[in-house]
C-alpha atoms as a PDB file:
ATOM      1  CA  MET A   1     -12.379  26.555  25.481  1.00  0.00           C
ATOM      2  CA  ASN A   2     -13.911  29.510  27.100  1.00  0.00           C
ATOM      3  CA  LYS A   3     -15.391  32.200  24.847  1.00  0.00           C
ATOM      4  CA  PRO A   4     -14.599  35.853  25.612  1.00  0.00           C
ATOM      5  CA  SER A   5     -17.451  37.678  27.276  1.00  0.00           C
ATOM      6  CA  LYS A   6     -19.190  40.465  25.360  1.00  0.00           C
ATOM      7  CA  TYR A   7     -19.900  42.402  28.511  1.00  0.00           C
ATOM      8  CA  LYS A   8     -17.315  43.927  30.754  1.00  0.00           C
ATOM      9  CA  LYS A   9     -18.103  44.147  34.405  1.00  0.00           C
ATOM     10  CA  SER A  10     -17.358  47.620  35.623  1.00  0.00           C
ATOM     11  CA  THR A  11     -16.103  48.320  39.062  1.00  0.00           C
ATOM     12  CA  SER A  12     -15.632  51.619  40.795  1.00  0.00           C
ATOM     13  CA  ALA A  13     -12.798  52.448  43.055  1.00  0.00           C
ATOM     14  CA  VAL A  14     -13.276  54.676  46.034  1.00  0.00           C
ATOM     15  CA  SER A  15     -10.381  56.928  46.843  1.00  0.00           C
ATOM     16  CA  SER A  16      -9.164  56.547  50.352  1.00  0.00           C
ATOM     17  CA  ASP A  17      -8.655  60.302  50.716  1.00  0.00           C
ATOM     18  CA  LYS A  18     -12.200  61.306  49.597  1.00  0.00           C
ATOM     19  CA  ILE A  19     -14.118  63.246  52.286  1.00  0.00           C
ATOM     20  CA  PRO A  20     -17.410  61.635  53.289  1.00  0.00           C
ATOM     21  CA  PRO A  21     -20.530  63.735  52.554  1.00  0.00           C
ATOM     22  CA  ASP A  22     -21.192  64.486  56.215  1.00  0.00           C
ATOM     23  CA  ASN A  23     -17.674  65.697  56.790  1.00  0.00           C
ATOM     24  CA  LEU A  24     -17.799  67.755  53.572  1.00  0.00           C
ATOM     25  CA  ALA A  25     -20.904  69.594  54.708  1.00  0.00           C
ATOM     26  CA  GLN A  26     -19.271  70.364  58.013  1.00  0.00           C
ATOM     27  CA  GLU A  27     -16.187  71.681  56.276  1.00  0.00           C
ATOM     28  CA  ASP A  28     -18.253  73.985  53.985  1.00  0.00           C
ATOM     29  CA  ILE A  29     -20.150  75.418  56.923  1.00  0.00           C
ATOM     30  CA  SER A  30     -16.974  76.065  58.794  1.00  0.00           C
ATOM     31  CA  GLN A  31     -15.600  77.986  55.846  1.00  0.00           C
ATOM     32  CA  GLU A  32     -18.633  80.276  55.522  1.00  0.00           C
ATOM     33  CA  GLU A  33     -18.178  83.818  56.752  1.00  0.00           C
ATOM     34  CA  ASN A  34     -20.099  84.855  59.855  1.00  0.00           C
ATOM     35  CA  PRO A  35     -22.902  87.279  58.664  1.00  0.00           C
ATOM     36  CA  ALA A  36     -22.518  89.282  61.821  1.00  0.00           C
ATOM     37  CA  THR A  37     -18.923  90.112  60.994  1.00  0.00           C
ATOM     38  CA  ALA A  38     -19.286  90.317  57.197  1.00  0.00           C
ATOM     39  CA  THR A  39     -17.977  93.440  55.512  1.00  0.00           C
ATOM     40  CA  ILE A  40     -20.174  95.063  52.813  1.00  0.00           C
ATOM     41  CA  THR A  41     -18.438  97.279  50.337  1.00  0.00           C
ATOM     42  CA  VAL A  42     -20.551 100.179  49.038  1.00  0.00           C
ATOM     43  CA  THR A  43     -19.345 102.189  46.117  1.00  0.00           C
ATOM     44  CA  ALA A  44     -20.139 105.882  46.537  1.00  0.00           C
ATOM     45  CA  VAL A  45     -21.846 107.490  43.555  1.00  0.00           C
ATOM     46  CA  GLU A  46     -21.256 111.160  43.107  1.00  0.00           C
ATOM     47  CA  VAL A  47     -24.510 113.108  42.523  1.00  0.00           C
ATOM     48  CA  GLN A  48     -23.912 115.857  40.030  1.00  0.00           C
ATOM     49  CA  GLU A  49     -25.581 119.198  40.560  1.00  0.00           C
ATOM     50  CA  LEU A  50     -27.921 120.422  37.821  1.00  0.00           C
ATOM     51  CA  SER A  51     -26.638 123.077  35.511  1.00  0.00           C
ATOM     52  CA  GLN A  52     -28.601 126.292  35.111  1.00  0.00           C
ATOM     53  CA  GLU A  53     -29.935 125.027  31.783  1.00  0.00           C
ATOM     54  CA  GLU A  54     -31.057 121.742  33.379  1.00  0.00           C
ATOM     55  CA  LYS A  55     -32.728 123.597  36.232  1.00  0.00           C
ATOM     56  CA  SER A  56     -34.595 125.706  33.706  1.00  0.00           C
ATOM     57  CA  ASP A  57     -35.637 122.601  31.746  1.00  0.00           C
ATOM     58  CA  ARG A  58     -36.789 120.871  34.921  1.00  0.00           C
ATOM     59  CA  LEU A  59     -38.939 123.830  35.943  1.00  0.00           C
ATOM     60  CA  HIS A  60     -40.384 124.059  32.419  1.00  0.00           C
ATOM     61  CA  LEU A  61     -41.328 120.349  32.429  1.00  0.00           C
ATOM     62  CA  GLU A  62     -42.755 120.576  35.954  1.00  0.00           C
ATOM     63  CA  ARG A  63     -44.924 123.444  34.799  1.00  0.00           C
ATOM     64  CA  LYS A  64     -46.228 121.242  31.970  1.00  0.00           C
ATOM     65  CA  VAL A  65     -47.214 118.549  34.458  1.00  0.00           C
ATOM     66  CA  GLU A  66     -48.906 121.113  36.693  1.00  0.00           C
ATOM     67  CA  ARG A  67     -50.810 122.627  33.792  1.00  0.00           C
ATOM     68  CA  ALA A  68     -52.132 119.333  32.396  1.00  0.00           C
ATOM     69  CA  PHE A  69     -55.570 119.664  33.986  1.00  0.00           C
ATOM     70  CA  PHE A  70     -55.560 123.394  33.201  1.00  0.00           C
ATOM     71  CA  GLU A  71     -54.984 122.711  29.499  1.00  0.00           C
ATOM     72  CA  ALA A  72     -57.723 120.063  29.595  1.00  0.00           C
ATOM     73  CA  GLY A  73     -60.154 122.549  31.147  1.00  0.00           C
ATOM     74  CA  LYS A  74     -59.329 125.203  28.554  1.00  0.00           C
ATOM     75  CA  ALA A  75     -59.746 122.729  25.698  1.00  0.00           C
ATOM     76  CA  LEU A  76     -63.095 121.511  27.049  1.00  0.00           C
ATOM     77  CA  THR A  77     -64.316 125.096  27.330  1.00  0.00           C
ATOM     78  CA  GLU A  78     -63.495 125.742  23.685  1.00  0.00           C
ATOM     79  CA  LEU A  79     -65.087 122.449  22.592  1.00  0.00           C
ATOM     80  CA  ARG A  80     -68.271 123.405  24.419  1.00  0.00           C
ATOM     81  CA  ASP A  81     -68.411 127.079  23.424  1.00  0.00           C
ATOM     82  CA  ARG A  82     -67.784 126.358  19.733  1.00  0.00           C
ATOM     83  CA  ARG A  83     -70.032 123.269  19.808  1.00  0.00           C
ATOM     84  CA  LEU A  84     -67.357 121.233  18.053  1.00  0.00           C
ATOM     85  CA  TYR A  85     -69.131 118.066  19.184  1.00  0.00           C
ATOM     86  CA  ARG A  86     -72.285 118.775  17.156  1.00  0.00           C
ATOM     87  CA  SER A  87     -71.412 116.544  14.184  1.00  0.00           C
ATOM     88  CA  THR A  88     -71.414 113.392  16.342  1.00  0.00           C
ATOM     89  CA  HIS A  89     -73.338 114.153  19.552  1.00  0.00           C
ATOM     90  CA  LYS A  90     -76.420 116.082  20.562  1.00  0.00           C
ATOM     91  CA  THR A  91     -75.055 117.301  23.884  1.00  0.00           C
ATOM     92  CA  PHE A  92     -71.688 118.260  25.277  1.00  0.00           C
ATOM     93  CA  GLU A  93     -72.150 115.847  28.202  1.00  0.00           C
ATOM     94  CA  GLU A  94     -72.746 112.860  25.901  1.00  0.00           C
ATOM     95  CA  TYR A  95     -69.702 113.794  23.833  1.00  0.00           C
ATOM     96  CA  CYS A  96     -67.427 113.988  26.909  1.00  0.00           C
ATOM     97  CA  LYS A  97     -68.702 110.648  28.183  1.00  0.00           C
ATOM     98  CA  ASP A  98     -68.135 108.834  24.864  1.00  0.00           C
ATOM     99  CA  ARG A  99     -64.860 110.530  23.949  1.00  0.00           C
ATOM    100  CA  PHE A 100     -63.117 110.873  27.318  1.00  0.00           C
ATOM    101  CA  GLY A 101     -65.084 108.609  29.680  1.00  0.00           C
ATOM    102  CA  TYR A 102     -66.055 111.565  31.875  1.00  0.00           C
ATOM    103  CA  SER A 103     -68.999 111.592  34.234  1.00  0.00           C
ATOM    104  CA  ARG A 104     -71.596 114.305  33.691  1.00  0.00           C
ATOM    105  CA  ARG A 105     -69.938 116.750  36.081  1.00  0.00           C
ATOM    106  CA  GLN A 106     -66.255 116.031  35.401  1.00  0.00           C
ATOM    107  CA  PRO A 107     -65.819 118.342  32.378  1.00  0.00           C
ATOM    108  CA  TYR A 108     -67.426 121.193  34.316  1.00  0.00           C
ATOM    109  CA  PHE A 109     -65.106 120.578  37.281  1.00  0.00           C
ATOM    110  CA  LEU A 110     -62.133 120.797  34.925  1.00  0.00           C
ATOM    111  CA  MET A 111     -63.428 123.940  33.234  1.00  0.00           C
ATOM    112  CA  GLU A 112     -64.012 125.641  36.604  1.00  0.00           C
ATOM    113  CA  ALA A 113     -60.566 124.527  37.783  1.00  0.00           C
ATOM    114  CA  ALA A 114     -58.948 125.997  34.666  1.00  0.00           C
ATOM    115  CA  VAL A 115     -60.417 129.410  35.474  1.00  0.00           C
ATOM    116  CA  ILE A 116     -59.179 129.198  39.075  1.00  0.00           C
ATOM    117  CA  PHE A 117     -55.720 127.976  38.021  1.00  0.00           C
ATOM    118  CA  GLN A 118     -55.332 130.916  35.668  1.00  0.00           C
ATOM    119  CA  ASN A 119     -56.402 133.264  38.450  1.00  0.00           C
ATOM    120  CA  LEU A 120     -53.818 131.779  40.840  1.00  0.00           C
ATOM    121  CA  GLU A 121     -51.111 131.842  38.168  1.00  0.00           C
ATOM    122  CA  GLN A 122     -51.683 135.546  37.574  1.00  0.00           C
ATOM    123  CA  LYS A 123     -52.058 136.711  41.177  1.00  0.00           C
ATOM    124  CA  CYS A 124     -50.031 134.414  43.431  1.00  0.00           C
ATOM    125  CA  ASP A 125     -46.431 135.148  44.357  1.00  0.00           C
ATOM    126  CA  ARG A 126     -44.272 133.886  41.503  1.00  0.00           C
ATOM    127  CA  ASN A 127     -41.349 133.288  43.863  1.00  0.00           C
ATOM    128  CA  ASP A 128     -43.219 130.459  45.578  1.00  0.00           C
ATOM    129  CA  HIS A 129     -43.545 128.396  42.380  1.00  0.00           C
ATOM    130  CA  ILE A 130     -46.309 126.375  44.051  1.00  0.00           C
ATOM    131  CA  LEU A 131     -49.374 125.863  41.893  1.00  0.00           C
ATOM    132  CA  PRO A 132     -52.070 123.158  41.896  1.00  0.00           C
ATOM    133  CA  THR A 133     -51.305 119.893  40.125  1.00  0.00           C
ATOM    134  CA  ASN A 134     -54.856 118.556  39.810  1.00  0.00           C
ATOM    135  CA  GLU A 135     -58.460 119.702  39.818  1.00  0.00           C
ATOM    136  CA  TRP A 136     -59.377 118.003  43.119  1.00  0.00           C
ATOM    137  CA  GLN A 137     -56.898 120.130  45.093  1.00  0.00           C
ATOM    138  CA  ILE A 138     -58.575 123.418  44.186  1.00  0.00           C
ATOM    139  CA  ARG A 139     -62.214 122.379  43.984  1.00  0.00           C
ATOM    140  CA  PRO A 140     -62.945 123.960  47.418  1.00  0.00           C
ATOM    141  CA  LEU A 141     -61.825 127.341  46.023  1.00  0.00           C
ATOM    142  CA  THR A 142     -64.963 127.473  43.851  1.00  0.00           C
ATOM    143  CA  LYS A 143     -66.826 128.610  46.965  1.00  0.00           C
ATOM    144  CA  LEU A 144     -64.788 131.818  47.154  1.00  0.00           C
ATOM    145  CA  ASP A 145     -64.779 134.948  45.045  1.00  0.00           C
ATOM    146  CA  SER A 146     -61.921 135.153  42.563  1.00  0.00           C
ATOM    147  CA  ASP A 147     -60.314 137.990  44.563  1.00  0.00           C
ATOM    148  CA  ILE A 148     -60.013 135.798  47.662  1.00  0.00           C
ATOM    149  CA  GLN A 149     -58.902 132.581  45.946  1.00  0.00           C
ATOM    150  CA  PRO A 150     -55.179 133.516  45.731  1.00  0.00           C
ATOM    151  CA  GLU A 151     -55.092 134.392  49.435  1.00  0.00           C
ATOM    152  CA  ALA A 152     -56.727 131.081  50.322  1.00  0.00           C
ATOM    153  CA  TRP A 153     -54.330 129.104  48.131  1.00  0.00           C
ATOM    154  CA  GLN A 154     -51.243 130.763  49.617  1.00  0.00           C
ATOM    155  CA  GLN A 155     -52.535 130.059  53.130  1.00  0.00           C
ATOM    156  CA  ALA A 156     -53.022 126.416  52.144  1.00  0.00           C
ATOM    157  CA  VAL A 157     -49.465 126.226  50.748  1.00  0.00           C
ATOM    158  CA  LYS A 158     -48.149 127.625  54.023  1.00  0.00           C
ATOM    159  CA  SER A 159     -50.169 125.054  55.998  1.00  0.00           C
ATOM    160  CA  ALA A 160     -48.619 122.333  53.825  1.00  0.00           C
ATOM    161  CA  ASN A 161     -45.112 123.547  54.738  1.00  0.00           C
ATOM    162  CA  GLY A 162     -44.423 124.995  51.331  1.00  0.00           C
ATOM    163  CA  LYS A 163     -45.613 121.974  49.369  1.00  0.00           C
ATOM    164  CA  VAL A 164     -48.647 121.481  47.155  1.00  0.00           C
ATOM    165  CA  PRO A 165     -51.565 121.292  49.622  1.00  0.00           C
ATOM    166  CA  SER A 166     -54.075 118.465  49.634  1.00  0.00           C
ATOM    167  CA  HIS A 167     -57.800 118.852  49.050  1.00  0.00           C
ATOM    168  CA  ARG A 168     -58.399 118.556  52.801  1.00  0.00           C
ATOM    169  CA  ILE A 169     -55.974 121.383  53.655  1.00  0.00           C
ATOM    170  CA  VAL A 170     -57.478 123.695  51.030  1.00  0.00           C
ATOM    171  CA  LYS A 171     -61.003 122.855  52.195  1.00  0.00           C
ATOM    172  CA  ASN A 172     -60.121 123.695  55.817  1.00  0.00           C
ATOM    173  CA  VAL A 173     -58.615 127.034  54.785  1.00  0.00           C
ATOM    174  CA  VAL A 174     -61.684 127.886  52.682  1.00  0.00           C
ATOM    175  CA  GLN A 175     -63.977 127.010  55.574  1.00  0.00           C
ATOM    176  CA  ARG A 176     -62.081 129.338  57.925  1.00  0.00           C
ATOM    177  CA  ILE A 177     -62.211 132.191  55.406  1.00  0.00           C
ATOM    178  CA  MET A 178     -65.936 131.687  54.816  1.00  0.00           C
ATOM    179  CA  GLU A 179     -66.608 131.795  58.565  1.00  0.00           C
ATOM    180  CA  ARG A 180     -64.520 134.956  58.845  1.00  0.00           C
ATOM    181  CA  THR A 181     -66.073 136.708  55.878  1.00  0.00           C
ATOM    182  CA  LYS A 182     -69.732 135.743  56.157  1.00  0.00           C
ATOM    183  CA  VAL A 183     -71.869 138.358  54.482  1.00  0.00           C
ATOM    184  CA  PRO A 184     -75.645 138.778  54.604  1.00  0.00           C
ATOM    185  CA  ASN A 185     -77.790 137.442  51.801  1.00  0.00           C
ATOM    186  CA  THR A 186     -78.076 140.201  49.197  1.00  0.00           C
ATOM    187  CA  TYR A 187     -80.374 138.408  46.746  1.00  0.00           C
ATOM    188  CA  GLN A 188     -83.811 139.910  46.122  1.00  0.00           C
ATOM    189  CA  LEU A 189     -87.214 138.483  45.305  1.00  0.00           C
ATOM    190  CA  GLY A 190     -87.656 138.057  41.570  1.00  0.00           C
ATOM    191  CA  GLU A 191     -83.917 138.191  40.860  1.00  0.00           C
ATOM    192  CA  VAL A 192     -82.686 135.861  38.132  1.00  0.00           C
ATOM    193  CA  CYS A 193     -79.687 133.719  39.096  1.00  0.00           C
ATOM    194  CA  GLN A 194     -77.676 130.855  37.738  1.00  0.00           C
ATOM    195  CA  ILE A 195     -77.339 127.621  39.702  1.00  0.00           C
ATOM    196  CA  LEU A 196     -73.828 126.421  40.563  1.00  0.00           C
ATOM    197  CA  ALA A 197     -74.082 122.716  41.330  1.00  0.00           C
ATOM    198  CA  LYS A 198     -70.444 122.432  42.538  1.00  0.00           C
ATOM    199  CA  ASP A 199     -70.154 119.534  44.994  1.00  0.00           C
ATOM    200  CA  ASN A 200     -73.836 119.471  45.997  1.00  0.00           C
ATOM    201  CA  PRO A 201     -75.334 116.135  44.830  1.00  0.00           C
ATOM    202  CA  GLU A 202     -78.864 117.516  45.261  1.00  0.00           C
ATOM    203  CA  LEU A 203     -78.168 120.012  42.470  1.00  0.00           C
ATOM    204  CA  ARG A 204     -76.680 117.473  40.093  1.00  0.00           C
ATOM    205  CA  GLY A 205     -77.946 118.086  36.581  1.00  0.00           C
ATOM    206  CA  LYS A 206     -79.076 121.625  37.422  1.00  0.00           C
ATOM    207  CA  GLY A 207     -75.710 123.362  37.076  1.00  0.00           C
ATOM    208  CA  GLY A 208     -75.874 126.234  34.618  1.00  0.00           C
ATOM    209  CA  SER A 209     -79.672 126.490  34.722  1.00  0.00           C
ATOM    210  CA  TRP A 210     -81.295 129.827  35.480  1.00  0.00           C
ATOM    211  CA  CYS A 211     -83.768 130.250  38.311  1.00  0.00           C
ATOM    212  CA  ILE A 212     -85.800 132.991  39.963  1.00  0.00           C
ATOM    213  CA  VAL A 213     -85.576 133.820  43.669  1.00  0.00           C
ATOM    214  CA  SER A 214     -88.924 133.265  45.392  1.00  0.00           C
ATOM    215  CA  HIS A 215     -87.780 133.503  49.032  1.00  0.00           C
ATOM    216  CA  VAL A 216     -84.732 135.070  50.711  1.00  0.00           C
ATOM    217  CA  GLY A 217     -83.334 133.507  53.878  1.00  0.00           C
ATOM    218  CA  GLU A 218     -80.314 134.429  55.991  1.00  0.00           C
ATOM    219  CA  PHE A 219     -77.799 132.288  54.083  1.00  0.00           C
ATOM    220  CA  SER A 220     -79.986 130.572  51.482  1.00  0.00           C
ATOM    221  CA  CYS A 221     -82.686 131.248  48.891  1.00  0.00           C
ATOM    222  CA  THR A 222     -85.703 129.370  47.642  1.00  0.00           C
ATOM    223  CA  VAL A 223     -85.634 129.457  43.863  1.00  0.00           C
ATOM    224  CA  VAL A 224     -87.904 128.336  41.045  1.00  0.00           C
ATOM    225  CA  GLY A 225     -86.292 126.537  38.131  1.00  0.00           C
ATOM    226  CA  TRP A 226     -87.635 124.831  35.043  1.00  0.00           C
ATOM    227  CA  ASP A 227     -88.127 121.543  36.915  1.00  0.00           C
ATOM    228  CA  GLY A 228     -89.403 122.770  40.286  1.00  0.00           C
ATOM    229  CA  GLU A 229     -88.712 124.750  43.449  1.00  0.00           C
ATOM    230  CA  TYR A 230     -85.810 124.099  45.803  1.00  0.00           C
ATOM    231  CA  THR A 231     -83.766 125.791  48.519  1.00  0.00           C
ATOM    232  CA  VAL A 232     -80.051 126.395  47.921  1.00  0.00           C
ATOM    233  CA  ARG A 233     -77.220 128.100  49.768  1.00  0.00           C
ATOM    234  CA  ILE A 234     -76.134 131.462  48.404  1.00  0.00           C
ATOM    235  CA  ASP A 235     -72.718 130.057  47.428  1.00  0.00           C
ATOM    236  CA  HIS A 236     -74.582 127.813  44.972  1.00  0.00           C
ATOM    237  CA  LEU A 237     -76.066 130.825  43.189  1.00  0.00           C
ATOM    238  CA  LYS A 238     -74.554 133.294  40.781  1.00  0.00           C
ATOM    239  CA  PRO A 239     -76.330 136.594  40.043  1.00  0.00           C
ATOM    240  CA  LEU A 240     -76.928 137.209  36.328  1.00  0.00           C
ATOM    241  CA  ASN A 241     -77.293 140.965  36.860  1.00  0.00           C
ATOM    242  CA  TYR A 242     -80.289 141.327  34.556  1.00  0.00           C
ATOM    243  CA  LEU A 243     -82.177 144.599  34.356  1.00  0.00           C
ATOM    244  CA  ASP A 244     -85.545 144.814  36.124  1.00  0.00           C
ATOM    245  CA  SER A 245     -87.339 144.593  32.774  1.00  0.00           C
ATOM    246  CA  GLU A 246     -85.321 141.488  31.864  1.00  0.00           C
ATOM    247  CA  CYS A 247     -86.129 139.884  35.220  1.00  0.00           C
ATOM    248  CA  GLN A 248     -89.820 140.502  34.585  1.00  0.00           C
ATOM    249  CA  GLN A 249     -89.519 138.899  31.155  1.00  0.00           C
ATOM    250  CA  MET A 250     -87.819 135.862  32.672  1.00  0.00           C
ATOM    251  CA  GLN A 251     -90.561 135.678  35.310  1.00  0.00           C
ATOM    252  CA  LEU A 252     -93.175 135.368  32.532  1.00  0.00           C
ATOM    253  CA  ILE A 253     -91.186 132.583  30.887  1.00  0.00           C
ATOM    254  CA  SER A 254     -90.810 130.854  34.263  1.00  0.00           C
ATOM    255  CA  ASP A 255     -94.565 131.043  34.901  1.00  0.00           C
ATOM    256  CA  ARG A 256     -95.333 129.500  31.512  1.00  0.00           C
ATOM    257  CA  ILE A 257     -92.859 126.667  32.115  1.00  0.00           C
ATOM    258  CA  SER A 258     -94.278 126.076  35.619  1.00  0.00           C
ATOM    259  CA  LYS A 259     -97.830 125.762  34.253  1.00  0.00           C
ATOM    260  CA  LEU A 260     -96.707 123.174  31.733  1.00  0.00           C
ATOM    261  CA  ARG A 261     -94.711 121.285  34.342  1.00  0.00           C
ATOM    262  CA  ASP A 262     -97.643 121.205  36.770  1.00  0.00           C
ATOM    263  CA  SER A 263    -100.151 120.136  34.097  1.00  0.00           C
ATOM    264  CA  GLY A 264     -99.042 116.517  34.255  1.00  0.00           C
ATOM    265  CA  LYS A 265     -99.485 116.248  30.478  1.00  0.00           C
ATOM    266  CA  LEU A 266     -95.880 116.530  29.374  1.00  0.00           C
ATOM    267  CA  GLU A 267     -94.268 113.835  27.297  1.00  0.00           C
ATOM    268  CA  ALA A 268     -90.516 113.233  27.214  1.00  0.00           C
ATOM    269  CA  PRO A 269     -89.794 115.401  24.125  1.00  0.00           C
ATOM    270  CA  ALA A 270     -91.693 118.325  25.669  1.00  0.00           C
ATOM    271  CA  GLU A 271     -89.736 117.942  28.913  1.00  0.00           C
ATOM    272  CA  ALA A 272     -86.506 118.039  26.909  1.00  0.00           C
ATOM    273  CA  VAL A 273     -87.602 121.336  25.351  1.00  0.00           C
ATOM    274  CA  LEU A 274     -88.387 122.824  28.776  1.00  0.00           C
ATOM    275  CA  LYS A 275     -84.984 121.712  30.066  1.00  0.00           C
ATOM    276  CA  CYS A 276     -83.341 123.413  27.107  1.00  0.00           C
ATOM    277  CA  LEU A 277     -85.282 126.617  27.793  1.00  0.00           C
ATOM    278  CA  GLY A 278     -84.336 126.341  31.450  1.00  0.00           C
ATOM    279  CA  GLU A 279     -80.651 126.576  30.532  1.00  0.00           C
ATOM    280  CA  LEU A 280     -80.858 129.718  28.396  1.00  0.00           C
ATOM    281  CA  LYS A 281     -77.961 132.140  28.736  1.00  0.00           C
ATOM    282  CA  ARG A 282     -80.073 135.191  27.771  1.00  0.00           C
ATOM    283  CA  PRO A 283     -83.219 136.897  29.135  1.00  0.00           C
ATOM    284  CA  TYR A 284     -85.471 136.271  26.134  1.00  0.00           C
ATOM    285  CA  LEU A 285     -86.770 133.633  23.727  1.00  0.00           C
ATOM    286  CA  THR A 286     -85.921 133.573  20.060  1.00  0.00           C
ATOM    287  CA  GLU A 287     -88.786 133.535  17.584  1.00  0.00           C
ATOM    288  CA  PHE A 288     -88.379 129.799  17.065  1.00  0.00           C
ATOM    289  CA  GLU A 289     -88.257 129.111  20.826  1.00  0.00           C
ATOM    290  CA  GLU A 290     -91.417 131.173  21.304  1.00  0.00           C
ATOM    291  CA  ARG A 291     -93.247 129.163  18.615  1.00  0.00           C
ATOM    292  CA  LEU A 292     -92.010 125.918  20.129  1.00  0.00           C
ATOM    293  CA  LEU A 293     -93.178 126.840  23.644  1.00  0.00           C
ATOM    294  CA  SER A 294     -96.549 128.043  22.309  1.00  0.00           C
ATOM    295  CA  PHE A 295     -97.004 124.764  20.423  1.00  0.00           C
ATOM    296  CA  ILE A 296     -96.435 122.738  23.617  1.00  0.00           C
ATOM    297  CA  GLU A 297     -98.897 124.977  25.487  1.00  0.00           C
ATOM    298  CA  LEU A 298    -101.452 124.433  22.747  1.00  0.00           C
ATOM    299  CA  GLU A 299    -101.009 120.667  22.857  1.00  0.00           C
ATOM    300  CA  CYS A 300    -101.337 120.670  26.654  1.00  0.00           C
ATOM    301  CA  ARG A 301    -104.246 123.181  26.456  1.00  0.00           C
ATOM    302  CA  ILE A 302    -102.404 125.676  28.642  1.00  0.00           C
ATOM    303  CA  SER A 303    -103.307 129.354  28.369  1.00  0.00           C
ATOM    304  CA  ASN A 304    -100.693 132.113  28.696  1.00  0.00           C
ATOM    305  CA  TYR A 305    -103.227 134.443  30.278  1.00  0.00           C
END
């Protein structure tokens, strides 16, 4: 007697009307639409015009974007002038580097740009509504007097077809104006000036220092500063308009600093003091500064006479 099997053999039936794979592929391809004759339906989206309130809001927000670097320059100026960094840092430059990641010159570029931006905002045609959007665009304007800066900026805007001009466009306009308005060197021997480093790498670290004119050329001056003598273009100098007596006083201070510098006996702390004295914003020494300079002269055996 045969026992029933525990396993059932399965068989599969193939339908006679099933399309073979090759034929199926051919049928699918034939049904595809020709890309060359395909129709693409695009739904039109109506663009709504801005209301007067929205236009006003847009202009207000655009002005905020434009003024970002201006506000930064103003804030940096106040931080420096009020010495609000003094509780954590010895110098303004160190503070800006640690707090904002700025290079040594960047805060000064922003502060200069803020002054120029304010000048353009006050004097340029309000109907144009074209103002700088970053410091780099207007850096070339630092070479011009404040009275000429608005004219130069408006020329640059015109050259840019009514848009915000690039640094290159502004620089070209400034160069043309400088060539057109070249004036003779009006500096005099013994005059006290301030150095404007601007974009001159040779003057890096000397910006803001005072110096005394020792030679007058056609378009440049040789000046004596706390750390040596160098020749600079007149657009890198700013007259301090001191009285003759004040210039003579500064000359005496300059001579004393020069003797110390040339002695070859200065240590780093003494050099730091001379640098500080070389950046004074007044034509005299305080009583403490006088004692400090006299002490260094005594240590270096330098006579004032």
